[in-house]
Amino acid sequence: MPKKIRNCFDKKLTFENLLKAHYRARKHKMYKKDIINFEMNLEHNLINLQKKISNNTYRIRNL
């Protein structure tokens, strides 16, 4: 029987991991307007994103 892993997601949801994910996601898109706007207030945006994900209030937008 497989072992259940609980609360693993919350341990991985750190500011450092979100920052690493942002840098991977922006690769080859550094000069796009949306990326520049997001990075103008990067720390606030990542903290806000972390709170929304942990509170289950984050919703994915279709652009």
PDB file of N, CA and C in Angstrom:
ATOM      1  N   MET A   1       0.840  -1.170   0.000  1.00  0.00           N
ATOM      2  CA  MET A   1       0.000   0.000   0.000  1.00  0.00           C
ATOM      3  C   MET A   1       0.893   1.243   0.000  1.00  0.00           C
ATOM      4  N   PRO A   2       0.609   2.229  -0.873  1.00  0.00           N
ATOM      5  CA  PRO A   2       1.444   3.433  -0.929  1.00  0.00           C
ATOM      6  C   PRO A   2       1.294   4.295   0.316  1.00  0.00           C
ATOM      7  N   LYS A   3       2.372   4.959   0.623  1.00  0.00           N
ATOM      8  CA  LYS A   3       2.390   5.848   1.777  1.00  0.00           C
ATOM      9  C   LYS A   3       1.777   7.184   1.388  1.00  0.00           C
ATOM     10  N   LYS A   4       0.933   7.755   2.243  1.00  0.00           N
ATOM     11  CA  LYS A   4       0.310   9.045   1.961  1.00  0.00           C
ATOM     12  C   LYS A   4       1.238  10.169   2.399  1.00  0.00           C
ATOM     13  N   ILE A   5       1.337  11.160   1.539  1.00  0.00           N
ATOM     14  CA  ILE A   5       2.153  12.331   1.852  1.00  0.00           C
ATOM     15  C   ILE A   5       1.207  13.492   2.103  1.00  0.00           C
ATOM     16  N   ARG A   6       1.274  14.052   3.290  1.00  0.00           N
ATOM     17  CA  ARG A   6       0.389  15.156   3.647  1.00  0.00           C
ATOM     18  C   ARG A   6       1.201  16.415   3.882  1.00  0.00           C
ATOM     19  N   ASN A   7       0.602  17.523   3.543  1.00  0.00           N
ATOM     20  CA  ASN A   7       1.203  18.840   3.750  1.00  0.00           C
ATOM     21  C   ASN A   7       2.525  19.010   3.003  1.00  0.00           C
ATOM     22  N   CYS A   8       2.767  18.225   2.007  1.00  0.00           N
ATOM     23  CA  CYS A   8       3.993  18.342   1.217  1.00  0.00           C
ATOM     24  C   CYS A   8       3.946  19.588   0.348  1.00  0.00           C
ATOM     25  N   PHE A   9       2.779  19.913  -0.171  1.00  0.00           N
ATOM     26  CA  PHE A   9       2.635  21.073  -1.054  1.00  0.00           C
ATOM     27  C   PHE A   9       2.979  22.361  -0.326  1.00  0.00           C
ATOM     28  N   ASP A  10       2.536  22.523   0.899  1.00  0.00           N
ATOM     29  CA  ASP A  10       2.808  23.744   1.662  1.00  0.00           C
ATOM     30  C   ASP A  10       4.288  23.916   1.953  1.00  0.00           C
ATOM     31  N   LYS A  11       5.000  22.823   2.129  1.00  0.00           N
ATOM     32  CA  LYS A  11       6.441  22.907   2.378  1.00  0.00           C
ATOM     33  C   LYS A  11       7.187  23.378   1.134  1.00  0.00           C
ATOM     34  N   LYS A  12       6.696  23.011  -0.032  1.00  0.00           N
ATOM     35  CA  LYS A  12       7.343  23.399  -1.291  1.00  0.00           C
ATOM     36  C   LYS A  12       6.946  24.803  -1.749  1.00  0.00           C
ATOM     37  N   LEU A  13       5.878  25.331  -1.220  1.00  0.00           N
ATOM     38  CA  LEU A  13       5.375  26.642  -1.628  1.00  0.00           C
ATOM     39  C   LEU A  13       6.110  27.734  -0.847  1.00  0.00           C
ATOM     40  N   THR A  14       7.335  28.028  -1.275  1.00  0.00           N
ATOM     41  CA  THR A  14       8.146  29.040  -0.618  1.00  0.00           C
ATOM     42  C   THR A  14       8.417  30.179  -1.587  1.00  0.00           C
ATOM     43  N   PHE A  15       8.819  31.302  -1.039  1.00  0.00           N
ATOM     44  CA  PHE A  15       9.162  32.458  -1.868  1.00  0.00           C
ATOM     45  C   PHE A  15      10.305  32.110  -2.821  1.00  0.00           C
ATOM     46  N   GLU A  16      11.298  31.396  -2.324  1.00  0.00           N
ATOM     47  CA  GLU A  16      12.451  31.037  -3.155  1.00  0.00           C
ATOM     48  C   GLU A  16      12.043  30.151  -4.330  1.00  0.00           C
ATOM     49  N   ASN A  17      11.165  29.189  -4.086  1.00  0.00           N
ATOM     50  CA  ASN A  17      10.709  28.313  -5.168  1.00  0.00           C
ATOM     51  C   ASN A  17       9.854  29.071  -6.178  1.00  0.00           C
ATOM     52  N   LEU A  18       9.036  30.008  -5.702  1.00  0.00           N
ATOM     53  CA  LEU A  18       8.251  30.823  -6.633  1.00  0.00           C
ATOM     54  C   LEU A  18       9.158  31.714  -7.473  1.00  0.00           C
ATOM     55  N   LEU A  19      10.228  32.238  -6.867  1.00  0.00           N
ATOM     56  CA  LEU A  19      11.173  33.081  -7.604  1.00  0.00           C
ATOM     57  C   LEU A  19      11.893  32.264  -8.674  1.00  0.00           C
ATOM     58  N   LYS A  20      12.314  31.053  -8.326  1.00  0.00           N
ATOM     59  CA  LYS A  20      12.957  30.167  -9.307  1.00  0.00           C
ATOM     60  C   LYS A  20      11.995  29.832 -10.443  1.00  0.00           C
ATOM     61  N   ALA A  21      10.742  29.564 -10.103  1.00  0.00           N
ATOM     62  CA  ALA A  21       9.736  29.251 -11.122  1.00  0.00           C
ATOM     63  C   ALA A  21       9.496  30.447 -12.029  1.00  0.00           C
ATOM     64  N   HIS A  22       9.496  31.648 -11.460  1.00  0.00           N
ATOM     65  CA  HIS A  22       9.310  32.855 -12.267  1.00  0.00           C
ATOM     66  C   HIS A  22      10.449  33.011 -13.267  1.00  0.00           C
ATOM     67  N   TYR A  23      11.690  32.805 -12.806  1.00  0.00           N
ATOM     68  CA  TYR A  23      12.834  32.941 -13.705  1.00  0.00           C
ATOM     69  C   TYR A  23      12.798  31.894 -14.821  1.00  0.00           C
ATOM     70  N   ARG A  24      12.349  30.683 -14.501  1.00  0.00           N
ATOM     71  CA  ARG A  24      12.213  29.660 -15.552  1.00  0.00           C
ATOM     72  C   ARG A  24      11.104  30.022 -16.532  1.00  0.00           C
ATOM     73  N   ALA A  25      10.009  30.572 -16.024  1.00  0.00           N
ATOM     74  CA  ALA A  25       8.856  30.889 -16.879  1.00  0.00           C
ATOM     75  C   ALA A  25       9.129  32.087 -17.790  1.00  0.00           C
ATOM     76  N   ARG A  26       9.955  33.020 -17.346  1.00  0.00           N
ATOM     77  CA  ARG A  26      10.195  34.220 -18.149  1.00  0.00           C
ATOM     78  C   ARG A  26      11.280  34.034 -19.194  1.00  0.00           C
ATOM     79  N   LYS A  27      11.908  32.891 -19.212  1.00  0.00           N
ATOM     80  CA  LYS A  27      12.989  32.636 -20.154  1.00  0.00           C
ATOM     81  C   LYS A  27      12.521  32.911 -21.585  1.00  0.00           C
ATOM     82  N   HIS A  28      13.288  33.688 -22.316  1.00  0.00           N
ATOM     83  CA  HIS A  28      13.006  34.099 -23.698  1.00  0.00           C
ATOM     84  C   HIS A  28      11.809  35.041 -23.804  1.00  0.00           C
ATOM     85  N   LYS A  29      11.317  35.558 -22.681  1.00  0.00           N
ATOM     86  CA  LYS A  29      10.184  36.495 -22.697  1.00  0.00           C
ATOM     87  C   LYS A  29      10.500  37.741 -21.876  1.00  0.00           C
ATOM     88  N   MET A  30      11.762  37.980 -21.591  1.00  0.00           N
ATOM     89  CA  MET A  30      12.169  39.031 -20.655  1.00  0.00           C
ATOM     90  C   MET A  30      11.716  40.428 -21.061  1.00  0.00           C
ATOM     91  N   TYR A  31      11.564  40.684 -22.335  1.00  0.00           N
ATOM     92  CA  TYR A  31      11.264  42.043 -22.784  1.00  0.00           C
ATOM     93  C   TYR A  31       9.803  42.259 -23.167  1.00  0.00           C
ATOM     94  N   LYS A  32       8.948  41.310 -22.798  1.00  0.00           N
ATOM     95  CA  LYS A  32       7.522  41.489 -23.044  1.00  0.00           C
ATOM     96  C   LYS A  32       6.929  42.399 -21.979  1.00  0.00           C
ATOM     97  N   LYS A  33       5.922  43.157 -22.381  1.00  0.00           N
ATOM     98  CA  LYS A  33       5.326  44.162 -21.498  1.00  0.00           C
ATOM     99  C   LYS A  33       4.782  43.553 -20.203  1.00  0.00           C
ATOM    100  N   ASP A  34       4.100  42.421 -20.293  1.00  0.00           N
ATOM    101  CA  ASP A  34       3.518  41.789 -19.106  1.00  0.00           C
ATOM    102  C   ASP A  34       4.595  41.344 -18.116  1.00  0.00           C
ATOM    103  N   ILE A  35       5.692  40.823 -18.622  1.00  0.00           N
ATOM    104  CA  ILE A  35       6.779  40.371 -17.760  1.00  0.00           C
ATOM    105  C   ILE A  35       7.426  41.566 -17.068  1.00  0.00           C
ATOM    106  N   ILE A  36       7.655  42.634 -17.808  1.00  0.00           N
ATOM    107  CA  ILE A  36       8.266  43.841 -17.236  1.00  0.00           C
ATOM    108  C   ILE A  36       7.363  44.433 -16.159  1.00  0.00           C
ATOM    109  N   ASN A  37       6.075  44.491 -16.420  1.00  0.00           N
ATOM    110  CA  ASN A  37       5.128  45.013 -15.419  1.00  0.00           C
ATOM    111  C   ASN A  37       5.107  44.152 -14.165  1.00  0.00           C
ATOM    112  N   PHE A  38       5.145  42.843 -14.322  1.00  0.00           N
ATOM    113  CA  PHE A  38       5.146  41.934 -13.171  1.00  0.00           C
ATOM    114  C   PHE A  38       6.415  42.129 -12.351  1.00  0.00           C
ATOM    115  N   GLU A  39       7.550  42.311 -13.029  1.00  0.00           N
ATOM    116  CA  GLU A  39       8.826  42.434 -12.330  1.00  0.00           C
ATOM    117  C   GLU A  39       9.041  43.808 -11.703  1.00  0.00           C
ATOM    118  N   MET A  40       8.240  44.787 -12.072  1.00  0.00           N
ATOM    119  CA  MET A  40       8.359  46.115 -11.458  1.00  0.00           C
ATOM    120  C   MET A  40       8.068  46.031  -9.952  1.00  0.00           C
ATOM    121  N   ASN A  41       7.224  45.106  -9.568  1.00  0.00           N
ATOM    122  CA  ASN A  41       6.869  44.920  -8.171  1.00  0.00           C
ATOM    123  C   ASN A  41       6.934  43.419  -7.853  1.00  0.00           C
ATOM    124  N   LEU A  42       8.065  42.821  -8.179  1.00  0.00           N
ATOM    125  CA  LEU A  42       8.215  41.361  -8.148  1.00  0.00           C
ATOM    126  C   LEU A  42       7.990  40.773  -6.755  1.00  0.00           C
ATOM    127  N   GLU A  43       8.604  41.341  -5.743  1.00  0.00           N
ATOM    128  CA  GLU A  43       8.485  40.789  -4.403  1.00  0.00           C
ATOM    129  C   GLU A  43       7.029  40.781  -3.928  1.00  0.00           C
ATOM    130  N   HIS A  44       6.340  41.896  -4.109  1.00  0.00           N
ATOM    131  CA  HIS A  44       4.931  41.990  -3.711  1.00  0.00           C
ATOM    132  C   HIS A  44       4.083  40.989  -4.499  1.00  0.00           C
ATOM    133  N   ASN A  45       4.326  40.887  -5.796  1.00  0.00           N
ATOM    134  CA  ASN A  45       3.537  39.977  -6.633  1.00  0.00           C
ATOM    135  C   ASN A  45       3.742  38.520  -6.236  1.00  0.00           C
ATOM    136  N   LEU A  46       4.980  38.129  -5.934  1.00  0.00           N
ATOM    137  CA  LEU A  46       5.233  36.740  -5.547  1.00  0.00           C
ATOM    138  C   LEU A  46       4.649  36.420  -4.173  1.00  0.00           C
ATOM    139  N   ILE A  47       4.731  37.361  -3.250  1.00  0.00           N
ATOM    140  CA  ILE A  47       4.134  37.146  -1.927  1.00  0.00           C
ATOM    141  C   ILE A  47       2.616  37.035  -2.045  1.00  0.00           C
ATOM    142  N   ASN A  48       2.023  37.891  -2.860  1.00  0.00           N
ATOM    143  CA  ASN A  48       0.579  37.854  -3.096  1.00  0.00           C
ATOM    144  C   ASN A  48       0.176  36.523  -3.747  1.00  0.00           C
ATOM    145  N   LEU A  49       0.966  36.070  -4.700  1.00  0.00           N
ATOM    146  CA  LEU A  49       0.701  34.799  -5.367  1.00  0.00           C
ATOM    147  C   LEU A  49       0.796  33.643  -4.381  1.00  0.00           C
ATOM    148  N   GLN A  50       1.795  33.676  -3.518  1.00  0.00           N
ATOM    149  CA  GLN A  50       1.972  32.632  -2.516  1.00  0.00           C
ATOM    150  C   GLN A  50       0.773  32.573  -1.573  1.00  0.00           C
ATOM    151  N   LYS A  51       0.276  33.720  -1.148  1.00  0.00           N
ATOM    152  CA  LYS A  51      -0.893  33.761  -0.260  1.00  0.00           C
ATOM    153  C   LYS A  51      -2.131  33.212  -0.951  1.00  0.00           C
ATOM    154  N   LYS A  52      -2.337  33.612  -2.202  1.00  0.00           N
ATOM    155  CA  LYS A  52      -3.521  33.146  -2.931  1.00  0.00           C
ATOM    156  C   LYS A  52      -3.482  31.638  -3.161  1.00  0.00           C
ATOM    157  N   ILE A  53      -2.308  31.098  -3.479  1.00  0.00           N
ATOM    158  CA  ILE A  53      -2.198  29.660  -3.701  1.00  0.00           C
ATOM    159  C   ILE A  53      -2.451  28.908  -2.398  1.00  0.00           C
ATOM    160  N   SER A  54      -1.870  29.368  -1.301  1.00  0.00           N
ATOM    161  CA  SER A  54      -2.043  28.656  -0.032  1.00  0.00           C
ATOM    162  C   SER A  54      -3.468  28.768   0.506  1.00  0.00           C
ATOM    163  N   ASN A  55      -4.201  29.838   0.148  1.00  0.00           N
ATOM    164  CA  ASN A  55      -5.584  30.008   0.594  1.00  0.00           C
ATOM    165  C   ASN A  55      -6.603  29.427  -0.386  1.00  0.00           C
ATOM    166  N   ASN A  56      -6.112  28.822  -1.456  1.00  0.00           N
ATOM    167  CA  ASN A  56      -6.964  28.249  -2.515  1.00  0.00           C
ATOM    168  C   ASN A  56      -7.866  29.299  -3.157  1.00  0.00           C
ATOM    169  N   THR A  57      -7.391  30.534  -3.300  1.00  0.00           N
ATOM    170  CA  THR A  57      -8.158  31.577  -3.949  1.00  0.00           C
ATOM    171  C   THR A  57      -7.572  31.965  -5.301  1.00  0.00           C
ATOM    172  N   TYR A  58      -6.450  31.365  -5.694  1.00  0.00           N
ATOM    173  CA  TYR A  58      -5.820  31.681  -6.977  1.00  0.00           C
ATOM    174  C   TYR A  58      -6.598  31.049  -8.098  1.00  0.00           C
ATOM    175  N   ARG A  59      -6.871  31.811  -9.131  1.00  0.00           N
ATOM    176  CA  ARG A  59      -7.573  31.328 -10.317  1.00  0.00           C
ATOM    177  C   ARG A  59      -6.726  31.611 -11.548  1.00  0.00           C
ATOM    178  N   ILE A  60      -6.624  30.634 -12.428  1.00  0.00           N
ATOM    179  CA  ILE A  60      -5.856  30.773 -13.658  1.00  0.00           C
ATOM    180  C   ILE A  60      -6.689  31.547 -14.665  1.00  0.00           C
ATOM    181  N   ARG A  61      -6.077  32.578 -15.264  1.00  0.00           N
ATOM    182  CA  ARG A  61      -6.763  33.378 -16.278  1.00  0.00           C
ATOM    183  C   ARG A  61      -6.393  32.876 -17.668  1.00  0.00           C
ATOM    184  N   ASN A  62      -7.327  32.918 -18.566  1.00  0.00           N
ATOM    185  CA  ASN A  62      -7.050  32.674 -19.972  1.00  0.00           C
ATOM    186  C   ASN A  62      -6.805  34.005 -20.649  1.00  0.00           C
ATOM    187  N   LEU A  63      -5.667  34.128 -21.286  1.00  0.00           N
ATOM    188  CA  LEU A  63      -5.343  35.388 -21.961  1.00  0.00           C
ATOM    189  C   LEU A  63      -5.697  35.321 -23.419  1.00  0.00           C
TER     190      LEU A  63
END
